[in-house]
Amino acid sequence: MLFRAWGHPNIKAVHKNTIEFTKEDYVSPEGVCIVGVNADFDAAKLGEFVKKHKNVKITIKTGSLQEVIFAKTNPEFNDDAELVIRIGEYASPRTFAVRADKAAKHLSRDLVKALQTGSPVEVELEEAAE
């Protein structure tokens, strides 16, 4: 499963616990976990994905740069505007995955710099082994 988003000049990616993609077209300087805006994910399809798969491999790509994150899906995910990936266990309807092995601050700074130029982002979601 694949969705797309875009970088933004205000992306900082320094949050220690989360990563977020939003359908909003803007991120304020306070949005330190947001790594993609204008996301085109389909919440219904993602809801089906999290109910079928317990583990997820999330690949974030922009240009030749990429990061891979492994996490446990949240079967209660159900948000039309935001997709959040968390290191911790807290799960709300906007939480796509928990127990992730990376948060925003762990992303390569080269990737973050590319996101700050407004570059396109591809996010691939695949079932991962336990």
Protein backbone atom coordinates (compact mmCIF):
# COMPACT_ATOMS: atom_id res chain seq x y z
CA MET A 1 0.00 0.00 0.00
CA LEU A 2 1.33 3.40 -0.96
CA PHE A 3 0.42 7.00 -0.26
CA ARG A 4 2.08 10.29 -1.09
CA ALA A 5 2.75 13.50 0.82
CA TRP A 6 4.95 16.58 0.44
CA GLY A 7 7.67 18.19 2.46
CA HIS A 8 7.35 21.74 3.81
CA PRO A 9 9.88 24.44 4.87
CA ASN A 10 8.69 24.26 8.52
CA ILE A 11 9.41 20.55 8.92
CA LYS A 12 11.80 20.04 11.82
CA ALA A 13 11.33 16.30 12.56
CA VAL A 14 12.73 16.51 16.09
CA HIS A 15 9.93 14.92 18.15
CA LYS A 16 11.26 12.14 20.38
CA ASN A 17 8.14 9.92 20.35
CA THR A 18 6.13 10.38 17.16
CA ILE A 19 6.05 10.88 13.40
CA GLU A 20 3.00 12.36 11.69
CA PHE A 21 1.64 12.76 8.18
CA THR A 22 -1.23 15.19 7.71
CA LYS A 23 -3.66 16.07 4.94
CA GLU A 24 -3.29 19.74 5.91
CA ASP A 25 -1.27 21.78 3.42
CA TYR A 26 0.78 23.55 6.08
CA VAL A 27 2.81 22.72 9.19
CA SER A 28 3.50 25.38 11.79
CA PRO A 29 6.98 25.65 13.33
CA GLU A 30 5.51 23.98 16.45
CA GLY A 31 4.58 20.82 14.51
CA VAL A 32 7.86 19.08 15.32
CA CYS A 33 6.63 15.53 14.60
CA ILE A 34 5.12 16.24 11.15
CA VAL A 35 7.20 14.97 8.23
CA GLY A 36 4.67 15.25 5.40
CA VAL A 37 1.77 17.51 4.42
CA ASN A 38 -0.93 17.17 1.74
CA ALA A 39 -0.95 13.42 2.41
CA ASP A 40 -3.29 11.50 0.12
CA PHE A 41 -3.84 8.40 2.27
CA ASP A 42 -7.23 6.70 2.23
CA ALA A 43 -8.28 6.21 5.88
CA ALA A 44 -10.72 3.42 5.00
CA LYS A 45 -8.03 1.41 3.19
CA LEU A 46 -5.59 2.01 6.05
CA GLY A 47 -8.28 0.86 8.48
CA GLU A 48 -8.55 -2.40 6.54
CA PHE A 49 -4.75 -2.75 6.54
CA VAL A 50 -4.42 -2.41 10.33
CA LYS A 51 -7.16 -4.94 10.93
CA LYS A 52 -5.41 -7.52 8.69
CA HIS A 53 -1.78 -6.96 9.68
CA LYS A 54 -0.30 -6.81 13.19
CA ASN A 55 3.13 -5.61 12.11
CA VAL A 56 4.07 -3.00 9.55
CA LYS A 57 7.17 -1.95 7.66
CA ILE A 58 6.93 1.76 6.80
CA THR A 59 9.30 3.04 4.11
CA ILE A 60 9.54 6.82 3.73
CA LYS A 61 11.22 7.90 0.48
CA THR A 62 12.10 11.22 -1.07
CA GLY A 63 14.43 11.27 -4.05
CA SER A 64 17.21 8.74 -3.41
CA LEU A 65 16.82 9.02 0.38
CA GLN A 66 14.76 6.66 2.48
CA GLU A 67 14.07 5.54 6.04
CA VAL A 68 12.48 2.29 7.18
CA ILE A 69 10.43 2.02 10.36
CA PHE A 70 9.01 -1.13 11.94
CA ALA A 71 5.98 -0.94 14.23
CA LYS A 72 2.82 -2.66 15.49
CA THR A 73 -0.41 -1.54 13.85
CA ASN A 74 -3.30 -0.06 15.81
CA PRO A 75 -6.55 -1.78 14.76
CA GLU A 76 -8.51 1.22 16.10
CA PHE A 77 -6.93 3.65 13.58
CA ASN A 78 -9.70 5.75 12.04
CA ASP A 79 -8.68 9.31 11.18
CA ASP A 80 -9.35 11.03 7.87
CA ALA A 81 -6.77 13.79 8.32
CA GLU A 82 -3.79 12.57 10.36
CA LEU A 83 -1.65 9.45 10.53
CA VAL A 84 0.57 9.14 13.61
CA ILE A 85 3.30 6.60 14.29
CA ARG A 86 4.41 6.33 17.93
CA ILE A 87 7.33 4.79 19.78
CA GLY A 88 5.15 4.29 22.86
CA GLU A 89 1.98 2.30 23.47
CA TYR A 90 -0.53 5.19 23.48
CA ALA A 91 -3.15 4.64 20.79
CA SER A 92 -5.92 7.00 19.72
CA PRO A 93 -8.04 6.90 16.54
CA ARG A 94 -5.33 8.93 14.75
CA THR A 95 -2.57 6.49 15.78
CA PHE A 96 -1.73 4.24 12.85
CA ALA A 97 1.05 2.34 14.63
CA VAL A 98 2.69 1.96 18.05
CA ARG A 99 5.98 0.50 19.36
CA ALA A 100 7.83 1.98 16.39
CA ASP A 101 11.59 1.63 16.28
CA LYS A 102 12.01 5.29 15.22
CA ALA A 103 10.45 8.68 15.87
CA ALA A 104 10.89 11.92 13.93
CA LYS A 105 14.17 12.79 15.68
CA HIS A 106 15.71 9.51 14.47
CA LEU A 107 15.23 10.27 10.77
CA SER A 108 18.38 11.09 8.83
CA ARG A 109 19.07 14.80 8.73
CA ASP A 110 19.69 14.54 4.97
CA LEU A 111 16.13 13.25 4.56
CA VAL A 112 14.79 16.06 6.76
CA LYS A 113 16.69 18.68 4.73
CA ALA A 114 15.12 17.27 1.55
CA LEU A 115 11.68 17.45 3.17
CA GLN A 116 12.30 21.10 4.06
CA THR A 117 12.60 21.88 0.33
CA GLY A 118 9.01 20.73 -0.20
CA SER A 119 10.03 17.57 -2.01
CA PRO A 120 7.49 14.81 -2.73
CA VAL A 121 7.39 11.90 -0.30
CA GLU A 122 6.28 8.32 -0.93
CA VAL A 123 5.22 6.23 2.04
CA GLU A 124 5.00 2.50 1.47
CA LEU A 125 3.23 0.28 3.99
CA GLU A 126 3.89 -3.45 3.98
CA GLU A 127 3.15 -6.32 6.29
CA ALA A 128 6.23 -7.08 8.38
CA ALA A 129 7.27 -10.28 10.12
CA GLU A 130 6.81 -10.43 13.88
